[in-house]
Amino acid sequence: MEKLGIPASEAPSVYVLDRNTNIGYACFESDSEIVAQVARVFPIFFILVAALVCMTTMSRMVEEQRTQIGVFKALGYPDSSIMLRYMFYSGSAALIGCVIGYTVGIFLFPGVIWMTYKLMYVPLPMRFIFDPALAAGALAVSLTGSMGVTWLTCRYELSETSASLMRPKAPKAGKRVLLERMPFIWNRLKFLYKVSIRNIFRYKKRLFMMITGISGCTALLLTGFGLKDSIAGFAEMQYEEILVADASIVFNTNEDGTVPDNVAEELESSTSEYLYFRESSWDLLCGDKVKSIDLVVPEDFSRIDSFFRFHKKDGTAVSTPSAGEAIVSNSIQERYGADIGDEIVLRDDSMRELRVKVVGVFENHVYNYVFISPETVREQLGTDAVFNAAYINFEGSGDIHESASPFMKNKQITTTVIYEDLKVRMANMMSSLNYIVLLVIASAAGLAFIVIYNLTNINITERIREIATIKVLGFFPGETSAYVLRENIALTAAGTAIGLGLGILLHRFIMAQIVVDLVSFSVKIRPVSYIYSVILTFVFNFAVDLFMSRKLEKINMAESLKSVD
């Protein structure tokens, strides 16, 4: 180049960035990981309760057929053949249930979840994939749980002789409960209440399973309502309590960096107040990670409270930054550890860097903001901040779109954002969370119905002679139902109380996993959500009790006159 008369220039700086520095790719990857993490926790209740239901049902079925097992054994059938008969039954039920459940699961749950993620990304079509390893694992768990319990129960029953198997199993002996040691309470209870209390603690397996199932139901309900409380209302909080400006505009500046005259004149004539600021996209360097943030440089922090209010989650005001300082949104502190007193590094697309000290963290729910003063830009970059945007408040309470129309017609203004429109749009998009909440409620209802129905049915079957006897003694249908189903209400109350605590923990865990790049959600559960969770749990219980009360009415009173030989 020197031979051609062109002076040699210095070699340019070259930066190689992989796809992980692409914010869209990084966000989508992190959100996919969120679903995977939540999926590891959400099914725990269902797996646990399914195992308990299977264990109780199969053990009860084997116990009910003790006489038949004794007959088979007396006829010379080997233990392995008898055991295989019942294992085939439980195994076939597990196989059919697994096939149906897997087929429904791979379409229903991913479809609902994907609906929510369309809010943040381009609505691409979702492709459903059959995962052989997942299907094999689900089938293995189902078969192991059902057939394993059947094998253990049969093995226990077959250890007895044929003669003992053909005799009815002796009823479980009653025991004194702790409340009986408190005569000042026990002596004041009615007889039927004493019977119910003794029966609750008489069958430990049923007690444990009922409380586990009901607590899981309540926990799922509270988590579902808590997700809605934490996510659905963030738009109103953002644009009514934090970013309180009516609108903002972004405009093209003059070549010397000044505001165009027609833009300045429009701001003076069409607004009640305005504030210039510089907004640009910078990268926050966090170790080996790169995080894109919106860097905002207001012209005057003393007037910003009319447009953007800085406060902590508890409402405490956050002081504005001076030269060399910055205040950051809470999402940056929580996800990237930029705490008060730390120095953070910001870099733009020209590889210029700003080093500032974090002096405050403010509550914010949409986008990731870092606010610095014009003095910081002047001291570290050697140039004045070029203001390319303005916050706006309009006069009166008229039509905000009509007030903003002059800015939309101005060719120097590239973007006009009306925050009321953003609030409505985000609130409408978040309404799709109703599908997830309904899905959780339906799952909780199914869980409660299976647990309560299964255990109540076993309870009635085990006590059919007792129930028939009290009917002979003159108990009315309502009194008979109360005699048996009163235990369900007590166990539902206990399970609900435990479930509320579990629901709070599960909700906090899931919210900790939901890290959407441009949105920060508040972790909260409204008091009305606790009420809804308790009411729905008891509604599920009463629905099952109403169904089972019909079965009680059909019990033949002659059963109490049958003798057991």
Protein backbone atom coordinates (compact mmCIF):
# COMPACT_ATOMS: atom_id res chain seq x y z
CA MET A 1 0.00 0.00 0.00
CA GLU A 2 2.93 2.33 0.61
CA LYS A 3 4.06 1.75 -3.01
CA LEU A 4 0.66 3.04 -4.19
CA GLY A 5 1.05 6.17 -2.13
CA ILE A 6 -1.51 5.10 0.46
CA PRO A 7 -0.24 5.36 4.03
CA ALA A 8 -0.33 2.13 5.97
CA SER A 9 -2.94 2.06 8.70
CA GLU A 10 -2.92 0.22 11.96
CA ALA A 11 -4.48 -3.22 12.04
CA PRO A 12 -8.11 -3.00 13.24
CA SER A 13 -9.20 -4.58 16.50
CA VAL A 14 -11.10 -7.79 15.89
CA TYR A 15 -13.62 -9.25 18.33
CA VAL A 16 -15.01 -12.76 17.91
CA LEU A 17 -18.37 -13.31 19.60
CA ASP A 18 -20.08 -16.68 19.71
CA ARG A 19 -23.82 -17.20 19.65
CA ASN A 20 -24.05 -17.18 23.43
CA THR A 21 -23.53 -13.41 23.30
CA ASN A 22 -26.70 -13.11 21.22
CA ILE A 23 -29.31 -11.99 23.72
CA GLY A 24 -32.24 -13.64 21.95
CA TYR A 25 -30.46 -16.99 21.84
CA ALA A 26 -29.29 -16.75 25.44
CA CYS A 27 -32.77 -15.83 26.69
CA PHE A 28 -34.45 -18.64 24.81
CA GLU A 29 -31.91 -21.12 26.12
CA SER A 30 -32.39 -19.96 29.71
CA ASP A 31 -36.18 -20.06 29.41
CA SER A 32 -36.02 -23.62 28.06
CA GLU A 33 -33.94 -24.57 31.08
CA ILE A 34 -36.61 -23.04 33.33
CA VAL A 35 -39.23 -25.43 31.97
CA ALA A 36 -36.87 -28.34 32.48
CA GLN A 37 -36.21 -27.35 36.11
CA VAL A 38 -39.87 -26.86 36.94
CA ALA A 39 -40.69 -30.20 35.28
CA ARG A 40 -38.35 -31.94 37.70
CA VAL A 41 -40.35 -30.70 40.70
CA PHE A 42 -43.97 -30.42 39.54
CA PRO A 43 -44.62 -34.18 39.08
CA ILE A 44 -43.32 -35.11 42.54
CA PHE A 45 -46.75 -34.80 44.17
CA PHE A 46 -48.36 -36.90 41.45
CA ILE A 47 -45.70 -39.60 41.56
CA LEU A 48 -45.86 -39.83 45.35
CA VAL A 49 -49.64 -39.92 45.51
CA ALA A 50 -49.87 -42.35 42.57
CA ALA A 51 -47.49 -44.69 44.38
CA LEU A 52 -49.54 -44.43 47.58
CA VAL A 53 -52.83 -44.99 45.74
CA CYS A 54 -51.39 -47.99 43.94
CA MET A 55 -49.97 -49.41 47.14
CA THR A 56 -53.24 -49.02 49.05
CA THR A 57 -55.44 -50.28 46.22
CA MET A 58 -53.41 -53.36 45.38
CA SER A 59 -52.81 -54.32 48.99
CA ARG A 60 -56.53 -53.93 49.66
CA MET A 61 -57.42 -56.03 46.61
CA VAL A 62 -55.12 -58.83 47.70
CA GLU A 63 -56.44 -58.71 51.26
CA GLU A 64 -60.03 -58.88 50.01
CA GLN A 65 -59.21 -62.05 48.08
CA ARG A 66 -57.50 -63.84 50.97
CA THR A 67 -60.10 -66.61 50.86
CA GLN A 68 -59.61 -67.17 47.14
CA ILE A 69 -55.83 -67.20 47.58
CA GLY A 70 -56.24 -69.75 50.37
CA VAL A 71 -58.41 -71.93 48.11
CA PHE A 72 -55.83 -71.77 45.29
CA LYS A 73 -53.10 -72.69 47.72
CA ALA A 74 -55.12 -75.57 49.17
CA LEU A 75 -55.75 -76.92 45.65
CA GLY A 76 -52.00 -77.16 45.10
CA TYR A 77 -51.28 -74.11 42.98
CA PRO A 78 -47.69 -72.94 43.52
CA ASP A 79 -47.13 -69.57 45.13
CA SER A 80 -45.50 -68.22 41.94
CA SER A 81 -48.62 -68.96 39.85
CA ILE A 82 -50.92 -67.28 42.36
CA MET A 83 -48.63 -64.27 42.61
CA LEU A 84 -48.32 -64.02 38.82
CA ARG A 85 -52.11 -63.75 38.49
CA TYR A 86 -52.27 -60.60 40.60
CA MET A 87 -49.07 -59.12 39.20
CA PHE A 88 -50.47 -59.49 35.68
CA TYR A 89 -53.56 -57.56 36.75
CA SER A 90 -51.61 -54.69 38.31
CA GLY A 91 -49.04 -54.68 35.50
CA SER A 92 -51.69 -54.44 32.77
CA ALA A 93 -53.38 -51.56 34.59
CA ALA A 94 -50.04 -49.76 34.87
CA LEU A 95 -49.29 -50.35 31.19
CA ILE A 96 -52.64 -49.02 29.99
CA GLY A 97 -52.47 -46.03 32.33
CA CYS A 98 -48.92 -45.21 31.27
CA VAL A 99 -49.78 -45.29 27.56
CA ILE A 100 -52.82 -43.05 28.02
CA GLY A 101 -51.04 -40.68 30.41
CA TYR A 102 -47.94 -40.34 28.26
CA THR A 103 -50.00 -39.69 25.13
CA VAL A 104 -52.09 -37.00 26.81
CA GLY A 105 -49.09 -35.53 28.64
CA ILE A 106 -46.87 -34.90 25.62
CA PHE A 107 -49.63 -32.89 23.92
CA LEU A 108 -51.54 -31.15 26.72
CA PHE A 109 -48.89 -29.82 29.10
CA PRO A 110 -46.28 -28.70 26.50
CA GLY A 111 -49.05 -27.03 24.49
CA VAL A 112 -50.21 -24.95 27.45
CA ILE A 113 -46.67 -24.02 28.48
CA TRP A 114 -45.73 -23.02 24.94
CA MET A 115 -48.71 -20.66 24.82
CA THR A 116 -47.15 -18.62 27.63
CA TYR A 117 -43.73 -18.44 25.99
CA LYS A 118 -45.25 -17.08 22.79
CA LEU A 119 -45.59 -13.85 24.78
CA MET A 120 -41.85 -13.21 24.63
CA TYR A 121 -40.84 -14.81 21.31
CA VAL A 122 -41.95 -15.18 17.72
CA PRO A 123 -44.91 -17.61 17.70
CA LEU A 124 -43.14 -20.49 15.99
CA PRO A 125 -44.98 -23.79 15.54
CA MET A 126 -44.13 -26.41 18.17
CA ARG A 127 -43.14 -29.90 17.10
CA PHE A 128 -44.18 -32.70 19.43
CA ILE A 129 -41.49 -35.34 19.82
CA PHE A 130 -41.84 -38.87 21.09
CA ASP A 131 -39.00 -39.54 23.51
CA PRO A 132 -38.42 -43.32 23.77
CA ALA A 133 -36.17 -42.94 26.81
CA LEU A 134 -38.77 -40.87 28.69
CA ALA A 135 -41.55 -43.29 27.73
CA ALA A 136 -39.46 -46.26 28.86
CA GLY A 137 -38.62 -44.53 32.14
CA ALA A 138 -42.27 -43.67 32.84
CA LEU A 139 -43.32 -47.24 32.04
CA ALA A 140 -40.58 -48.66 34.25
CA VAL A 141 -41.64 -46.49 37.18
CA SER A 142 -45.31 -47.42 36.69
CA LEU A 143 -44.64 -51.14 36.45
CA THR A 144 -42.19 -51.13 39.35
CA GLY A 145 -44.61 -49.26 41.59
CA SER A 146 -47.70 -51.33 40.83
CA MET A 147 -46.17 -54.78 40.38
CA GLY A 148 -43.66 -54.26 43.19
CA VAL A 149 -46.39 -53.47 45.71
CA THR A 150 -48.44 -56.44 44.46
CA TRP A 151 -45.45 -58.77 44.83
CA LEU A 152 -44.75 -57.61 48.37
CA THR A 153 -48.41 -57.91 49.42
CA CYS A 154 -48.85 -61.35 47.85
CA ARG A 155 -45.59 -62.54 49.36
CA TYR A 156 -46.81 -61.50 52.81
CA GLU A 157 -50.23 -63.17 52.38
CA LEU A 158 -48.78 -66.36 50.88
CA SER A 159 -46.53 -66.80 53.90
CA GLU A 160 -49.65 -67.89 55.85
CA THR A 161 -51.22 -71.34 55.70
CA SER A 162 -54.23 -72.17 53.53
CA ALA A 163 -56.46 -72.53 56.59
CA SER A 164 -55.61 -69.11 57.98
CA LEU A 165 -56.01 -67.47 54.57
CA MET A 166 -59.54 -68.86 54.21
CA ARG A 167 -60.53 -67.20 57.48
CA PRO A 168 -61.36 -63.45 57.48
CA LYS A 169 -58.54 -61.26 58.63
CA ALA A 170 -58.92 -60.06 62.20
CA PRO A 171 -59.83 -56.36 62.41
CA LYS A 172 -57.16 -53.99 63.50
CA ALA A 173 -57.18 -53.42 67.24
CA GLY A 174 -58.06 -49.99 68.50
CA LYS A 175 -55.61 -47.99 70.57
CA ARG A 176 -55.83 -45.13 72.99
CA VAL A 177 -55.10 -41.82 71.33
CA LEU A 178 -53.23 -38.92 72.85
CA LEU A 179 -56.42 -36.91 73.31
CA GLU A 180 -57.75 -39.57 75.70
CA ARG A 181 -54.96 -38.62 78.08
CA MET A 182 -56.52 -35.15 78.30
CA PRO A 183 -59.75 -35.85 80.20
CA PHE A 184 -60.75 -32.17 80.37
CA ILE A 185 -61.17 -32.34 76.56
CA TRP A 186 -61.98 -36.01 75.95
CA ASN A 187 -64.79 -36.18 78.51
CA ARG A 188 -66.58 -33.27 76.87
CA LEU A 189 -66.67 -34.87 73.42
CA LYS A 190 -69.73 -36.69 72.13
CA PHE A 191 -69.52 -40.43 71.63
CA LEU A 192 -69.63 -40.26 67.82
CA TYR A 193 -66.80 -37.75 67.78
CA LYS A 194 -64.73 -40.06 69.96
CA VAL A 195 -65.34 -42.90 67.50
CA SER A 196 -64.24 -40.73 64.58
CA ILE A 197 -61.05 -39.62 66.35
CA ARG A 198 -60.14 -43.21 67.21
CA ASN A 199 -60.79 -44.38 63.64
CA ILE A 200 -58.58 -41.61 62.22
CA PHE A 201 -55.56 -42.78 64.18
CA ARG A 202 -56.48 -46.46 63.93
CA TYR A 203 -55.56 -46.69 60.26
CA LYS A 204 -52.14 -45.06 60.00
CA LYS A 205 -51.66 -45.81 56.30
CA ARG A 206 -54.95 -44.15 55.39
CA LEU A 207 -54.15 -41.18 57.62
CA PHE A 208 -50.75 -40.67 55.99
CA MET A 209 -52.06 -41.08 52.46
CA MET A 210 -55.05 -38.80 52.92
CA ILE A 211 -52.96 -36.00 54.41
CA THR A 212 -50.30 -36.40 51.71
CA GLY A 213 -52.86 -36.31 48.89
CA ILE A 214 -54.88 -33.39 50.28
CA SER A 215 -51.76 -31.37 51.13
CA GLY A 216 -50.52 -31.95 47.59
CA CYS A 217 -53.87 -30.79 46.22
CA THR A 218 -53.84 -27.60 48.31
CA ALA A 219 -50.19 -26.94 47.48
CA LEU A 220 -50.89 -27.19 43.75
CA LEU A 221 -53.89 -24.87 44.05
CA LEU A 222 -51.97 -22.27 46.04
CA THR A 223 -49.04 -22.49 43.62
CA GLY A 224 -51.35 -21.98 40.64
CA PHE A 225 -53.06 -18.95 42.17
CA GLY A 226 -49.70 -17.64 43.40
CA LEU A 227 -48.26 -17.82 39.87
CA LYS A 228 -51.15 -15.71 38.64
CA ASP A 229 -50.73 -13.23 41.53
CA SER A 230 -46.98 -12.90 40.92
CA ILE A 231 -47.05 -12.64 37.14
CA ALA A 232 -50.40 -11.29 35.96
CA GLY A 233 -50.26 -7.95 37.81
CA PHE A 234 -46.74 -6.84 36.97
CA ALA A 235 -47.86 -4.59 34.07
CA GLU A 236 -50.16 -2.50 36.28
CA MET A 237 -47.43 -2.12 38.90
CA GLN A 238 -44.84 -1.15 36.28
CA TYR A 239 -46.90 1.52 34.52
CA GLU A 240 -48.88 2.86 37.46
CA GLU A 241 -46.33 2.93 40.28
CA ILE A 242 -42.87 2.95 38.66
CA LEU A 243 -42.85 4.32 35.11
CA VAL A 244 -45.55 6.96 35.62
CA ALA A 245 -44.95 9.05 32.48
CA ASP A 246 -47.78 9.20 29.96
CA ALA A 247 -45.51 8.47 27.00
CA SER A 248 -41.98 8.67 25.65
CA ILE A 249 -40.52 9.56 22.27
CA VAL A 250 -37.29 8.69 20.50
CA PHE A 251 -36.02 11.17 17.87
CA ASN A 252 -33.16 11.75 15.46
CA THR A 253 -30.75 14.36 16.72
CA ASN A 254 -28.98 16.99 14.64
CA GLU A 255 -25.46 16.33 13.41
CA ASP A 256 -24.07 18.30 16.35
CA GLY A 257 -26.08 16.18 18.80
CA THR A 258 -28.70 18.82 19.60
CA VAL A 259 -32.45 18.34 19.66
CA PRO A 260 -34.21 19.30 16.39
CA ASP A 261 -36.11 22.60 16.66
CA ASN A 262 -39.45 21.15 15.55
CA VAL A 263 -39.21 18.42 18.20
CA ALA A 264 -38.38 20.95 20.93
CA GLU A 265 -41.24 23.21 19.80
CA GLU A 266 -43.69 20.30 19.82
CA LEU A 267 -42.64 19.31 23.34
CA GLU A 268 -43.17 22.88 24.54
CA SER A 269 -46.61 23.28 22.95
CA SER A 270 -48.16 19.81 23.36
CA THR A 271 -47.07 18.64 26.84
CA SER A 272 -47.45 19.75 30.42
CA GLU A 273 -43.91 18.65 31.22
CA TYR A 274 -41.10 16.63 29.63
CA LEU A 275 -37.60 15.42 30.38
CA TYR A 276 -34.82 14.67 27.89
CA PHE A 277 -32.76 11.53 28.38
CA ARG A 278 -30.30 9.34 26.54
CA GLU A 279 -31.29 5.68 26.14
CA SER A 280 -29.06 3.12 24.45
CA SER A 281 -28.29 -0.58 24.60
CA TRP A 282 -25.08 -1.51 26.43
CA ASP A 283 -23.59 -4.79 27.58
CA LEU A 284 -23.15 -5.51 31.26
CA LEU A 285 -20.01 -7.63 31.76
CA CYS A 286 -20.54 -10.19 34.52
CA GLY A 287 -17.50 -12.46 34.72
CA ASP A 288 -17.57 -14.50 31.52
CA LYS A 289 -21.19 -13.58 30.78
CA VAL A 290 -22.55 -10.70 28.73
CA LYS A 291 -25.89 -9.16 29.62
CA SER A 292 -27.69 -6.60 27.45
CA ILE A 293 -29.18 -3.72 29.45
CA ASP A 294 -30.81 -0.36 28.73
CA LEU A 295 -28.54 2.47 29.85
CA VAL A 296 -30.51 5.62 30.66
CA VAL A 297 -28.91 9.03 31.17
CA PRO A 298 -31.53 11.61 32.26
CA GLU A 299 -30.84 15.29 31.65
CA ASP A 300 -31.83 16.22 35.21
CA PHE A 301 -32.41 13.73 38.05
CA SER A 302 -34.13 16.39 40.15
CA ARG A 303 -37.23 16.29 37.88
CA ILE A 304 -37.36 12.58 37.09
CA ASP A 305 -39.81 11.70 39.87
CA SER A 306 -42.67 12.93 37.66
CA PHE A 307 -41.78 10.30 35.06
CA PHE A 308 -39.85 7.44 36.68
CA ARG A 309 -39.99 6.72 40.40
CA PHE A 310 -37.12 4.93 42.11
CA HIS A 311 -38.05 2.91 45.18
CA LYS A 312 -37.32 -0.46 46.74
CA LYS A 313 -39.84 -3.30 46.99
CA ASP A 314 -40.81 -2.09 50.46
CA GLY A 315 -41.54 1.41 49.11
CA THR A 316 -38.37 3.08 50.43
CA ALA A 317 -37.04 5.75 48.09
CA VAL A 318 -33.74 5.15 46.26
CA SER A 319 -31.30 8.05 45.98
CA THR A 320 -30.23 9.19 42.52
CA PRO A 321 -26.60 8.61 41.42
CA SER A 322 -23.79 11.14 41.28
CA ALA A 323 -20.71 11.13 39.03
CA GLY A 324 -19.16 7.65 38.76
CA GLU A 325 -22.23 6.03 40.31
CA ALA A 326 -25.23 4.06 39.04
CA ILE A 327 -28.52 2.68 40.22
CA VAL A 328 -29.73 -0.62 38.75
CA SER A 329 -33.05 -2.45 38.50
CA ASN A 330 -33.67 -5.31 40.93
CA SER A 331 -33.44 -7.92 38.14
CA ILE A 332 -29.79 -7.03 37.56
CA GLN A 333 -29.04 -7.39 41.26
CA GLU A 334 -30.88 -10.71 41.65
CA ARG A 335 -29.59 -12.44 38.51
CA TYR A 336 -26.10 -11.02 38.12
CA GLY A 337 -25.07 -10.11 41.64
CA ALA A 338 -24.67 -6.37 40.98
CA ASP A 339 -25.21 -5.36 44.61
CA ILE A 340 -24.79 -2.04 46.34
CA GLY A 341 -21.11 -1.15 46.63
CA ASP A 342 -20.03 -3.30 43.66
CA GLU A 343 -18.31 -1.88 40.60
CA ILE A 344 -19.87 -2.89 37.29
CA VAL A 345 -18.48 -2.58 33.77
CA LEU A 346 -20.64 -1.44 30.85
CA ARG A 347 -19.57 -1.71 27.20
CA ASP A 348 -21.24 -0.38 24.04
CA ASP A 349 -21.04 -1.66 20.46
CA SER A 350 -17.96 0.55 19.87
CA MET A 351 -16.19 -1.23 22.74
CA ARG A 352 -16.18 1.89 24.91
CA GLU A 353 -16.39 1.06 28.59
CA LEU A 354 -17.93 2.70 31.65
CA ARG A 355 -16.95 1.68 35.16
CA VAL A 356 -19.47 2.74 37.77
CA LYS A 357 -20.24 1.95 41.39
CA VAL A 358 -23.72 0.66 42.26
CA VAL A 359 -25.26 2.91 44.92
CA GLY A 360 -28.90 1.82 44.71
CA VAL A 361 -31.25 -0.93 43.56
CA PHE A 362 -34.79 0.03 42.53
CA GLU A 363 -37.89 -2.05 41.86
CA ASN A 364 -38.65 -2.59 38.19
CA HIS A 365 -40.53 -5.28 36.27
CA VAL A 366 -40.10 -4.59 32.55
CA TYR A 367 -36.64 -4.37 30.91
CA ASN A 368 -33.29 -4.13 32.71
CA TYR A 369 -32.28 -0.56 33.45
CA VAL A 370 -29.08 1.09 34.59
CA PHE A 371 -29.33 4.82 35.34
CA ILE A 372 -26.25 7.06 35.42
CA SER A 373 -25.74 10.83 35.44
CA PRO A 374 -24.53 13.02 32.51
CA GLU A 375 -21.43 13.83 34.57
CA THR A 376 -20.40 10.15 34.48
CA VAL A 377 -20.55 10.13 30.67
CA ARG A 378 -18.57 13.37 30.45
CA GLU A 379 -15.85 12.23 32.85
CA GLN A 380 -15.30 8.71 31.48
CA LEU A 381 -16.03 9.10 27.75
CA GLY A 382 -14.87 12.69 27.33
CA THR A 383 -18.07 13.78 25.56
CA ASP A 384 -21.43 15.12 26.62
CA ALA A 385 -24.41 12.78 26.59
CA VAL A 386 -26.45 13.15 23.41
CA PHE A 387 -30.13 13.10 24.41
CA ASN A 388 -32.20 11.15 21.91
CA ALA A 389 -35.47 10.63 23.81
CA ALA A 390 -37.89 12.32 26.17
CA TYR A 391 -40.41 11.34 28.79
CA ILE A 392 -43.74 13.14 28.37
CA ASN A 393 -46.74 14.01 30.49
CA PHE A 394 -49.78 15.51 28.77
CA GLU A 395 -52.15 18.14 30.09
CA GLY A 396 -55.55 17.17 31.50
CA SER A 397 -57.22 13.80 31.28
CA GLY A 398 -58.32 13.81 27.64
CA ASP A 399 -57.69 11.23 24.96
CA ILE A 400 -54.01 10.38 25.26
CA HIS A 401 -53.81 9.16 21.66
CA GLU A 402 -55.14 12.48 20.40
CA SER A 403 -52.59 14.33 22.54
CA ALA A 404 -49.79 12.16 21.16
CA SER A 405 -50.83 12.48 17.49
CA PRO A 406 -48.56 15.50 16.74
CA PHE A 407 -45.52 13.45 17.78
CA MET A 408 -46.58 10.51 15.63
CA LYS A 409 -46.76 12.82 12.58
CA ASN A 410 -43.34 14.40 13.17
CA LYS A 411 -40.80 12.85 10.80
CA GLN A 412 -37.90 13.56 13.17
CA ILE A 413 -39.53 11.34 15.82
CA THR A 414 -38.86 7.67 15.11
CA THR A 415 -40.82 6.11 18.00
CA THR A 416 -43.73 7.20 20.15
CA VAL A 417 -44.59 4.88 23.05
CA ILE A 418 -47.83 5.33 24.99
CA TYR A 419 -47.42 3.47 28.26
CA GLU A 420 -51.14 2.92 28.76
CA ASP A 421 -51.15 0.86 25.56
CA LEU A 422 -48.17 -1.16 26.80
CA LYS A 423 -49.92 -1.83 30.10
CA VAL A 424 -53.09 -3.06 28.39
CA ARG A 425 -51.16 -5.15 25.86
CA MET A 426 -49.05 -6.87 28.51
CA ALA A 427 -52.06 -7.45 30.75
CA ASN A 428 -53.91 -9.09 27.86
CA MET A 429 -50.93 -11.27 27.03
CA MET A 430 -50.57 -12.36 30.63
CA SER A 431 -54.22 -13.43 30.62
CA SER A 432 -53.03 -16.65 28.95
CA LEU A 433 -51.79 -17.62 32.43
CA ASN A 434 -55.42 -18.46 33.13
CA TYR A 435 -54.88 -21.61 31.06
CA ILE A 436 -52.02 -22.71 33.31
CA VAL A 437 -54.00 -21.91 36.45
CA LEU A 438 -56.98 -23.90 35.14
CA LEU A 439 -54.64 -26.77 34.26
CA VAL A 440 -53.23 -26.75 37.80
CA ILE A 441 -56.73 -26.61 39.32
CA ALA A 442 -57.87 -29.51 37.13
CA SER A 443 -54.80 -31.52 38.14
CA ALA A 444 -55.40 -30.75 41.80
CA ALA A 445 -59.07 -31.72 41.48
CA GLY A 446 -58.13 -35.03 39.88
CA LEU A 447 -55.54 -35.63 42.59
CA ALA A 448 -58.02 -34.89 45.39
CA PHE A 449 -60.78 -36.98 43.84
CA ILE A 450 -58.57 -40.04 43.34
CA VAL A 451 -57.16 -39.89 46.85
CA ILE A 452 -60.41 -39.17 48.71
CA TYR A 453 -62.51 -41.55 46.62
CA ASN A 454 -60.03 -44.40 46.89
CA LEU A 455 -59.56 -44.08 50.64
CA THR A 456 -63.23 -43.49 51.38
CA ASN A 457 -64.17 -46.52 49.33
CA ILE A 458 -61.65 -48.65 51.24
CA ASN A 459 -62.91 -47.23 54.52
CA ILE A 460 -66.51 -48.12 53.69
CA THR A 461 -65.59 -51.60 52.45
CA GLU A 462 -63.60 -52.38 55.59
CA ARG A 463 -66.42 -51.18 57.87
CA ILE A 464 -69.45 -52.40 55.93
CA ARG A 465 -70.75 -54.55 58.81
CA GLU A 466 -70.25 -51.71 61.25
CA ILE A 467 -72.14 -49.32 58.96
CA ALA A 468 -74.94 -51.82 58.40
CA THR A 469 -75.22 -52.27 62.17
CA ILE A 470 -75.66 -48.57 62.91
CA LYS A 471 -78.32 -48.41 60.18
CA VAL A 472 -80.16 -51.24 61.93
CA LEU A 473 -79.89 -49.26 65.18
CA GLY A 474 -81.93 -46.48 63.55
CA PHE A 475 -79.38 -43.99 62.23
CA PHE A 476 -80.88 -41.72 59.59
CA PRO A 477 -79.06 -41.47 56.19
CA GLY A 478 -77.57 -38.10 57.09
CA GLU A 479 -76.34 -39.38 60.44
CA THR A 480 -74.84 -42.47 58.80
CA SER A 481 -73.01 -40.33 56.26
CA ALA A 482 -71.71 -38.02 58.99
CA TYR A 483 -70.59 -41.02 61.04
CA VAL A 484 -68.34 -42.25 58.22
CA LEU A 485 -67.46 -39.09 56.27
CA ARG A 486 -66.72 -36.89 59.28
CA GLU A 487 -63.23 -38.38 59.26
CA ASN A 488 -62.69 -37.11 55.71
CA ILE A 489 -63.47 -33.56 56.80
CA ALA A 490 -61.02 -33.75 59.70
CA LEU A 491 -58.26 -35.21 57.53
CA THR A 492 -58.98 -32.66 54.78
CA ALA A 493 -58.59 -29.85 57.30
CA ALA A 494 -55.26 -31.25 58.49
CA GLY A 495 -54.03 -31.83 54.93
CA THR A 496 -55.10 -28.33 53.88
CA ALA A 497 -53.14 -26.72 56.71
CA ILE A 498 -50.00 -28.64 55.75
CA GLY A 499 -50.65 -27.97 52.06
CA LEU A 500 -50.68 -24.21 52.56
CA GLY A 501 -47.15 -24.37 53.93
CA LEU A 502 -46.03 -26.66 51.12
CA GLY A 503 -47.69 -24.38 48.58
CA ILE A 504 -45.74 -21.35 49.79
CA LEU A 505 -42.45 -23.25 49.45
CA LEU A 506 -43.36 -24.69 46.04
CA HIS A 507 -44.47 -21.28 44.77
CA ARG A 508 -41.22 -19.65 45.87
CA PHE A 509 -39.17 -22.39 44.26
CA ILE A 510 -41.00 -22.19 40.94
CA MET A 511 -40.81 -18.38 40.87
CA ALA A 512 -37.06 -18.65 41.51
CA GLN A 513 -36.80 -20.78 38.36
CA ILE A 514 -38.93 -18.50 36.16
CA VAL A 515 -36.26 -16.08 34.97
CA VAL A 516 -37.51 -14.31 31.83
CA ASP A 517 -34.84 -11.98 30.50
CA LEU A 518 -36.88 -8.81 29.97
CA VAL A 519 -39.36 -9.20 32.83
CA SER A 520 -38.90 -9.38 36.58
CA PHE A 521 -41.81 -10.83 38.55
CA SER A 522 -42.62 -10.14 42.19
CA VAL A 523 -43.01 -13.19 44.41
CA LYS A 524 -46.31 -12.77 46.20
CA ILE A 525 -49.53 -14.60 47.05
CA ARG A 526 -52.62 -12.51 47.72
CA PRO A 527 -54.72 -13.36 50.81
CA VAL A 528 -57.71 -14.19 48.60
CA SER A 529 -55.62 -16.94 46.94
CA TYR A 530 -55.28 -18.70 50.29
CA ILE A 531 -59.05 -18.52 50.69
CA TYR A 532 -59.67 -19.88 47.19
CA SER A 533 -57.24 -22.75 47.75
CA VAL A 534 -58.90 -23.80 51.01
CA ILE A 535 -62.42 -23.47 49.62
CA LEU A 536 -61.66 -25.47 46.47
CA THR A 537 -59.97 -28.23 48.47
CA PHE A 538 -63.07 -28.62 50.62
CA VAL A 539 -65.32 -28.39 47.55
CA PHE A 540 -63.46 -31.35 46.06
CA ASN A 541 -63.87 -33.21 49.34
CA PHE A 542 -67.61 -32.49 49.59
CA ALA A 543 -68.10 -33.57 45.96
CA VAL A 544 -66.56 -36.96 46.71
CA ASP A 545 -68.48 -37.25 50.00
CA LEU A 546 -71.74 -36.55 48.17
CA PHE A 547 -70.92 -39.27 45.69
CA MET A 548 -69.95 -41.75 48.40
CA SER A 549 -73.02 -41.00 50.53
CA ARG A 550 -75.11 -42.69 47.82
CA LYS A 551 -73.02 -45.81 48.25
CA LEU A 552 -73.74 -45.74 51.99
CA GLU A 553 -77.48 -45.62 51.31
CA LYS A 554 -77.24 -48.78 49.18
CA ILE A 555 -75.66 -50.88 51.94
CA ASN A 556 -77.99 -53.74 52.84
CA MET A 557 -78.78 -53.73 56.56
CA ALA A 558 -79.01 -57.54 56.48
CA GLU A 559 -75.20 -57.53 56.22
CA SER A 560 -75.04 -56.92 59.98
CA LEU A 561 -76.88 -60.16 60.64
CA LYS A 562 -74.43 -62.31 58.71
CA SER A 563 -72.07 -64.31 60.86
CA VAL A 564 -68.47 -64.86 59.93
CA ASP A 565 -67.33 -68.45 60.38
